[in-house]
All heavy atoms as atom14 arrays in JSON, in Angstrom:
{
  "sequence": "ATYYCAARRFPYCRYDAASMDYWGKGTLVTISS",
  "atom14_mask": [
    [1, 1, 1, 1, 1, 0, 0, 0, 0, 0, 0, 0, 0, 0],
    [1, 1, 1, 1, 1, 1, 1, 0, 0, 0, 0, 0, 0, 0],
    [1, 1, 1, 1, 1, 1, 1, 1, 1, 1, 1, 1, 0, 0],
    [1, 1, 1, 1, 1, 1, 1, 1, 1, 1, 1, 1, 0, 0],
    [1, 1, 1, 1, 1, 1, 0, 0, 0, 0, 0, 0, 0, 0],
    [1, 1, 1, 1, 1, 0, 0, 0, 0, 0, 0, 0, 0, 0],
    [1, 1, 1, 1, 1, 0, 0, 0, 0, 0, 0, 0, 0, 0],
    [1, 1, 1, 1, 1, 1, 1, 1, 1, 1, 1, 0, 0, 0],
    [1, 1, 1, 1, 1, 1, 1, 1, 1, 1, 1, 0, 0, 0],
    [1, 1, 1, 1, 1, 1, 1, 1, 1, 1, 1, 0, 0, 0],
    [1, 1, 1, 1, 1, 1, 1, 0, 0, 0, 0, 0, 0, 0],
    [1, 1, 1, 1, 1, 1, 1, 1, 1, 1, 1, 1, 0, 0],
    [1, 1, 1, 1, 1, 1, 0, 0, 0, 0, 0, 0, 0, 0],
    [1, 1, 1, 1, 1, 1, 1, 1, 1, 1, 1, 0, 0, 0],
    [1, 1, 1, 1, 1, 1, 1, 1, 1, 1, 1, 1, 0, 0],
    [1, 1, 1, 1, 1, 1, 1, 1, 0, 0, 0, 0, 0, 0],
    [1, 1, 1, 1, 1, 0, 0, 0, 0, 0, 0, 0, 0, 0],
    [1, 1, 1, 1, 1, 0, 0, 0, 0, 0, 0, 0, 0, 0],
    [1, 1, 1, 1, 1, 1, 0, 0, 0, 0, 0, 0, 0, 0],
    [1, 1, 1, 1, 1, 1, 1, 1, 0, 0, 0, 0, 0, 0],
    [1, 1, 1, 1, 1, 1, 1, 1, 0, 0, 0, 0, 0, 0],
    [1, 1, 1, 1, 1, 1, 1, 1, 1, 1, 1, 1, 0, 0],
    [1, 1, 1, 1, 1, 1, 1, 1, 1, 1, 1, 1, 1, 1],
    [1, 1, 1, 1, 0, 0, 0, 0, 0, 0, 0, 0, 0, 0],
    [1, 1, 1, 1, 1, 1, 1, 1, 1, 0, 0, 0, 0, 0],
    [1, 1, 1, 1, 0, 0, 0, 0, 0, 0, 0, 0, 0, 0],
    [1, 1, 1, 1, 1, 1, 1, 0, 0, 0, 0, 0, 0, 0],
    [1, 1, 1, 1, 1, 1, 1, 1, 0, 0, 0, 0, 0, 0],
    [1, 1, 1, 1, 1, 1, 1, 0, 0, 0, 0, 0, 0, 0],
    [1, 1, 1, 1, 1, 1, 1, 0, 0, 0, 0, 0, 0, 0],
    [1, 1, 1, 1, 1, 1, 1, 1, 0, 0, 0, 0, 0, 0],
    [1, 1, 1, 1, 1, 1, 0, 0, 0, 0, 0, 0, 0, 0],
    [1, 1, 1, 1, 1, 1, 0, 0, 0, 0, 0, 0, 0, 0]
  ],
  "atom14_positions": [
    [[-4.11, 7.41, 9.44], [-2.83, 6.75, 9.03], [-2.4, 7.37, 7.69], [-3.14, 8.14, 7.05], [-3.02, 5.26, 8.84], [0.0, 0.0, 0.0], [0.0, 0.0, 0.0], [0.0, 0.0, 0.0], [0.0, 0.0, 0.0], [0.0, 0.0, 0.0], [0.0, 0.0, 0.0], [0.0, 0.0, 0.0], [0.0, 0.0, 0.0], [0.0, 0.0, 0.0]],
    [[-1.19, 7.05, 7.31], [-0.7, 7.27, 5.97], [-1.06, 6.13, 5.09], [-0.78, 4.96, 5.48], [0.78, 7.54, 5.91], [1.07, 8.73, 6.68], [1.24, 7.81, 4.49], [0.0, 0.0, 0.0], [0.0, 0.0, 0.0], [0.0, 0.0, 0.0], [0.0, 0.0, 0.0], [0.0, 0.0, 0.0], [0.0, 0.0, 0.0], [0.0, 0.0, 0.0]],
    [[-1.74, 6.35, 4.03], [-2.24, 5.35, 3.1], [-1.32, 5.21, 1.89], [-1.0, 6.25, 1.23], [-3.65, 5.57, 2.69], [-4.65, 5.27, 3.77], [-4.74, 6.07, 4.9], [-5.49, 4.18, 3.68], [-5.61, 5.79, 5.95], [-6.36, 3.87, 4.7], [-6.44, 4.67, 5.81], [-7.34, 4.38, 6.84], [0.0, 0.0, 0.0], [0.0, 0.0, 0.0]],
    [[-0.89, 3.99, 1.55], [0.04, 3.76, 0.46], [-0.6, 2.86, -0.57], [-1.24, 1.88, -0.26], [1.27, 3.06, 1.01], [2.09, 3.83, 1.99], [1.87, 3.74, 3.38], [3.09, 4.69, 1.55], [2.62, 4.39, 4.25], [3.84, 5.4, 2.49], [3.58, 5.24, 3.83], [4.35, 5.97, 4.73], [0.0, 0.0, 0.0], [0.0, 0.0, 0.0]],
    [[-0.43, 3.27, -1.82], [-0.73, 2.39, -2.96], [0.48, 1.49, -3.2], [1.62, 1.94, -3.14], [-0.99, 3.28, -4.18], [-1.29, 2.39, -5.7], [0.0, 0.0, 0.0], [0.0, 0.0, 0.0], [0.0, 0.0, 0.0], [0.0, 0.0, 0.0], [0.0, 0.0, 0.0], [0.0, 0.0, 0.0], [0.0, 0.0, 0.0], [0.0, 0.0, 0.0]],
    [[0.2, 0.17, -3.51], [1.22, -0.76, -3.74], [0.86, -1.63, -4.91], [-0.3, -1.88, -5.2], [1.54, -1.62, -2.43], [0.0, 0.0, 0.0], [0.0, 0.0, 0.0], [0.0, 0.0, 0.0], [0.0, 0.0, 0.0], [0.0, 0.0, 0.0], [0.0, 0.0, 0.0], [0.0, 0.0, 0.0], [0.0, 0.0, 0.0], [0.0, 0.0, 0.0]],
    [[1.92, -2.29, -5.51], [1.67, -3.23, -6.62], [2.69, -4.32, -6.62], [3.86, -4.15, -6.22], [1.75, -2.42, -7.99], [0.0, 0.0, 0.0], [0.0, 0.0, 0.0], [0.0, 0.0, 0.0], [0.0, 0.0, 0.0], [0.0, 0.0, 0.0], [0.0, 0.0, 0.0], [0.0, 0.0, 0.0], [0.0, 0.0, 0.0], [0.0, 0.0, 0.0]],
    [[2.28, -5.51, -7.07], [3.16, -6.66, -7.33], [3.51, -6.71, -8.82], [2.78, -6.22, -9.66], [2.49, -7.98, -6.92], [2.23, -8.16, -5.47], [1.88, -9.6, -5.18], [3.0, -10.46, -5.07], [3.0, -11.78, -5.32], [1.94, -12.4, -5.7], [4.15, -12.47, -5.14], [0.0, 0.0, 0.0], [0.0, 0.0, 0.0], [0.0, 0.0, 0.0]],
    [[4.6, -7.35, -9.04], [4.96, -7.71, -10.47], [4.19, -8.8, -11.06], [4.24, -9.13, -12.22], [6.47, -8.04, -10.57], [7.43, -6.91, -10.22], [8.82, -7.39, -10.23], [9.15, -8.36, -9.24], [10.24, -9.05, -9.16], [11.15, -8.91, -10.14], [10.39, -9.93, -8.19], [0.0, 0.0, 0.0], [0.0, 0.0, 0.0], [0.0, 0.0, 0.0]],
    [[3.29, -9.46, -10.24], [2.53, -10.64, -10.61], [1.06, -10.3, -10.65], [0.62, -9.41, -10.0], [2.88, -11.77, -9.7], [4.38, -12.03, -9.52], [5.01, -11.54, -8.41], [5.09, -12.66, -10.49], [6.41, -11.74, -8.23], [6.44, -12.82, -10.41], [7.1, -12.37, -9.25], [0.0, 0.0, 0.0], [0.0, 0.0, 0.0], [0.0, 0.0, 0.0]],
    [[0.31, -11.14, -11.39], [-1.15, -10.83, -11.52], [-2.0, -11.09, -10.3], [-3.04, -10.46, -10.14], [-1.59, -11.74, -12.7], [-0.61, -12.86, -12.68], [0.71, -12.21, -12.23], [0.0, 0.0, 0.0], [0.0, 0.0, 0.0], [0.0, 0.0, 0.0], [0.0, 0.0, 0.0], [0.0, 0.0, 0.0], [0.0, 0.0, 0.0], [0.0, 0.0, 0.0]],
    [[-1.56, -12.0, -9.38], [-2.38, -12.35, -8.27], [-1.72, -12.06, -6.98], [-0.48, -11.92, -6.91], [-2.71, -13.85, -8.32], [-3.54, -14.16, -9.58], [-2.89, -14.81, -10.69], [-4.82, -13.75, -9.73], [-3.6, -15.05, -11.84], [-5.55, -13.95, -10.89], [-4.91, -14.64, -11.94], [-5.65, -14.84, -13.08], [0.0, 0.0, 0.0], [0.0, 0.0, 0.0]],
    [[-2.52, -11.82, -5.91], [-2.01, -11.13, -4.72], [-1.59, -12.13, -3.63], [-2.11, -13.26, -3.51], [-3.16, -10.3, -4.15], [-3.65, -8.93, -5.19], [0.0, 0.0, 0.0], [0.0, 0.0, 0.0], [0.0, 0.0, 0.0], [0.0, 0.0, 0.0], [0.0, 0.0, 0.0], [0.0, 0.0, 0.0], [0.0, 0.0, 0.0], [0.0, 0.0, 0.0]],
    [[-0.61, -11.68, -2.87], [-0.36, -12.1, -1.53], [-0.64, -10.93, -0.61], [-0.71, -9.8, -1.08], [1.03, -12.63, -1.32], [1.37, -13.92, -2.1], [2.82, -14.25, -1.97], [3.18, -14.53, -0.61], [4.43, -14.81, -0.22], [5.42, -14.9, -1.11], [4.68, -15.03, 1.1], [0.0, 0.0, 0.0], [0.0, 0.0, 0.0], [0.0, 0.0, 0.0]],
    [[-0.84, -11.15, 0.69], [-1.38, -10.14, 1.53], [-0.41, -9.51, 2.52], [-0.85, -8.76, 3.4], [-2.63, -10.69, 2.25], [-3.67, -11.27, 1.28], [-4.2, -12.52, 1.51], [-4.04, -10.52, 0.17], [-5.09, -13.06, 0.59], [-4.97, -11.08, -0.72], [-5.44, -12.38, -0.52], [-6.4, -12.85, -1.41], [0.0, 0.0, 0.0], [0.0, 0.0, 0.0]],
    [[0.83, -9.74, 2.37], [1.83, -9.17, 3.24], [2.63, -8.05, 2.49], [2.8, -8.09, 1.25], [2.83, -10.23, 3.72], [3.48, -10.98, 2.57], [2.76, -11.4, 1.62], [4.71, -11.17, 2.59], [0.0, 0.0, 0.0], [0.0, 0.0, 0.0], [0.0, 0.0, 0.0], [0.0, 0.0, 0.0], [0.0, 0.0, 0.0], [0.0, 0.0, 0.0]],
    [[3.13, -7.1, 3.25], [3.82, -5.98, 2.63], [5.06, -6.44, 1.93], [5.42, -5.81, 0.88], [4.19, -4.98, 3.75], [0.0, 0.0, 0.0], [0.0, 0.0, 0.0], [0.0, 0.0, 0.0], [0.0, 0.0, 0.0], [0.0, 0.0, 0.0], [0.0, 0.0, 0.0], [0.0, 0.0, 0.0], [0.0, 0.0, 0.0], [0.0, 0.0, 0.0]],
    [[5.73, -7.43, 2.39], [7.01, -7.9, 1.75], [6.76, -8.44, 0.36], [7.73, -8.54, -0.47], [7.65, -8.95, 2.64], [0.0, 0.0, 0.0], [0.0, 0.0, 0.0], [0.0, 0.0, 0.0], [0.0, 0.0, 0.0], [0.0, 0.0, 0.0], [0.0, 0.0, 0.0], [0.0, 0.0, 0.0], [0.0, 0.0, 0.0], [0.0, 0.0, 0.0]],
    [[5.53, -8.84, 0.01], [5.23, -9.32, -1.28], [5.09, -8.26, -2.38], [5.05, -8.6, -3.59], [4.01, -10.25, -1.26], [2.82, -9.4, -1.1], [0.0, 0.0, 0.0], [0.0, 0.0, 0.0], [0.0, 0.0, 0.0], [0.0, 0.0, 0.0], [0.0, 0.0, 0.0], [0.0, 0.0, 0.0], [0.0, 0.0, 0.0], [0.0, 0.0, 0.0]],
    [[4.96, -7.05, -1.93], [4.72, -5.98, -2.92], [6.03, -5.45, -3.4], [7.03, -5.31, -2.67], [3.95, -4.84, -2.21], [2.7, -5.29, -1.48], [1.54, -6.33, -2.41], [0.98, -5.24, -3.66], [0.0, 0.0, 0.0], [0.0, 0.0, 0.0], [0.0, 0.0, 0.0], [0.0, 0.0, 0.0], [0.0, 0.0, 0.0], [0.0, 0.0, 0.0]],
    [[6.06, -5.11, -4.69], [7.29, -4.68, -5.35], [7.47, -3.2, -5.56], [8.55, -2.67, -5.71], [7.38, -5.42, -6.67], [7.51, -6.88, -6.56], [8.45, -7.4, -5.98], [6.54, -7.57, -7.08], [0.0, 0.0, 0.0], [0.0, 0.0, 0.0], [0.0, 0.0, 0.0], [0.0, 0.0, 0.0], [0.0, 0.0, 0.0], [0.0, 0.0, 0.0]],
    [[6.3, -2.48, -5.6], [6.34, -1.01, -5.82], [5.41, -0.32, -4.9], [4.36, -0.85, -4.55], [5.9, -0.74, -7.32], [6.69, -1.52, -8.32], [6.2, -2.67, -8.96], [7.99, -1.1, -8.68], [6.88, -3.35, -9.89], [8.71, -1.82, -9.58], [8.2, -2.95, -10.22], [8.9, -3.61, -11.09], [0.0, 0.0, 0.0], [0.0, 0.0, 0.0]],
    [[5.85, 0.86, -4.5], [5.08, 1.62, -3.56], [4.98, 3.11, -3.96], [5.92, 3.69, -4.47], [5.79, 1.57, -2.19], [5.85, 0.22, -1.57], [6.78, -0.68, -1.72], [4.85, -0.32, -0.67], [6.47, -1.82, -0.99], [5.29, -1.64, -0.31], [3.66, 0.16, -0.08], [4.61, -2.45, 0.52], [2.97, -0.68, 0.75], [3.45, -1.94, 1.06]],
    [[3.84, 3.71, -3.63], [3.7, 5.14, -3.75], [4.32, 5.79, -2.53], [4.73, 5.18, -1.58], [0.0, 0.0, 0.0], [0.0, 0.0, 0.0], [0.0, 0.0, 0.0], [0.0, 0.0, 0.0], [0.0, 0.0, 0.0], [0.0, 0.0, 0.0], [0.0, 0.0, 0.0], [0.0, 0.0, 0.0], [0.0, 0.0, 0.0], [0.0, 0.0, 0.0]],
    [[4.3, 7.12, -2.55], [4.87, 7.87, -1.41], [3.91, 8.06, -0.25], [4.31, 8.38, 0.82], [5.34, 9.27, -1.97], [6.53, 9.19, -2.87], [6.82, 10.58, -3.42], [5.85, 10.96, -4.53], [6.24, 12.21, -5.23], [0.0, 0.0, 0.0], [0.0, 0.0, 0.0], [0.0, 0.0, 0.0], [0.0, 0.0, 0.0], [0.0, 0.0, 0.0]],
    [[2.61, 7.81, -0.52], [1.63, 7.82, 0.59], [0.85, 9.14, 0.61], [1.29, 10.17, 0.12], [0.0, 0.0, 0.0], [0.0, 0.0, 0.0], [0.0, 0.0, 0.0], [0.0, 0.0, 0.0], [0.0, 0.0, 0.0], [0.0, 0.0, 0.0], [0.0, 0.0, 0.0], [0.0, 0.0, 0.0], [0.0, 0.0, 0.0], [0.0, 0.0, 0.0]],
    [[-0.38, 9.03, 1.18], [-1.18, 10.22, 1.35], [-1.81, 10.12, 2.77], [-2.29, 9.01, 3.2], [-2.27, 10.3, 0.29], [-3.04, 11.51, 0.45], [-3.22, 9.15, 0.3], [0.0, 0.0, 0.0], [0.0, 0.0, 0.0], [0.0, 0.0, 0.0], [0.0, 0.0, 0.0], [0.0, 0.0, 0.0], [0.0, 0.0, 0.0], [0.0, 0.0, 0.0]],
    [[-1.82, 11.22, 3.51], [-2.25, 11.2, 4.85], [-3.75, 11.35, 5.01], [-4.34, 12.29, 4.38], [-1.5, 12.34, 5.65], [-1.86, 12.49, 7.15], [-1.39, 11.24, 7.89], [-1.18, 13.72, 7.68], [0.0, 0.0, 0.0], [0.0, 0.0, 0.0], [0.0, 0.0, 0.0], [0.0, 0.0, 0.0], [0.0, 0.0, 0.0], [0.0, 0.0, 0.0]],
    [[-4.31, 10.5, 5.85], [-5.78, 10.58, 6.18], [-5.88, 10.76, 7.66], [-5.32, 9.97, 8.42], [-6.49, 9.25, 5.72], [-7.91, 9.27, 6.29], [-6.45, 9.13, 4.18], [0.0, 0.0, 0.0], [0.0, 0.0, 0.0], [0.0, 0.0, 0.0], [0.0, 0.0, 0.0], [0.0, 0.0, 0.0], [0.0, 0.0, 0.0], [0.0, 0.0, 0.0]],
    [[-6.6, 11.81, 8.1], [-6.82, 12.12, 9.47], [-8.3, 12.14, 9.75], [-9.0, 12.95, 9.17], [-6.11, 13.42, 9.86], [-4.77, 13.34, 9.55], [-6.27, 13.68, 11.36], [0.0, 0.0, 0.0], [0.0, 0.0, 0.0], [0.0, 0.0, 0.0], [0.0, 0.0, 0.0], [0.0, 0.0, 0.0], [0.0, 0.0, 0.0], [0.0, 0.0, 0.0]],
    [[-8.74, 11.32, 10.73], [-10.16, 11.3, 11.11], [-10.29, 11.84, 12.58], [-9.66, 11.28, 13.47], [-10.74, 9.85, 11.03], [-10.35, 9.25, 9.68], [-12.2, 9.89, 11.22], [-10.77, 10.0, 8.46], [0.0, 0.0, 0.0], [0.0, 0.0, 0.0], [0.0, 0.0, 0.0], [0.0, 0.0, 0.0], [0.0, 0.0, 0.0], [0.0, 0.0, 0.0]],
    [[-11.05, 12.85, 12.7], [-11.29, 13.52, 14.0], [-12.58, 12.99, 14.62], [-13.54, 12.68, 13.88], [-11.23, 14.97, 13.9], [-12.27, 15.47, 13.0], [0.0, 0.0, 0.0], [0.0, 0.0, 0.0], [0.0, 0.0, 0.0], [0.0, 0.0, 0.0], [0.0, 0.0, 0.0], [0.0, 0.0, 0.0], [0.0, 0.0, 0.0], [0.0, 0.0, 0.0]],
    [[-12.69, 13.06, 15.92], [-13.85, 12.7, 16.64], [-14.52, 13.87, 17.36], [-15.62, 13.82, 17.77], [-13.54, 11.6, 17.63], [-12.63, 12.02, 18.6], [0.0, 0.0, 0.0], [0.0, 0.0, 0.0], [0.0, 0.0, 0.0], [0.0, 0.0, 0.0], [0.0, 0.0, 0.0], [0.0, 0.0, 0.0], [0.0, 0.0, 0.0], [0.0, 0.0, 0.0]]
  ]
}
């Protein structure tokens, strides 16, 4: 998947994407079998 760093403006977390205020651009991780 593409992995994204995210942050809220608040000290404690909620666990949904909509609660996050800031996002990185993402970094791709590929796992082969």
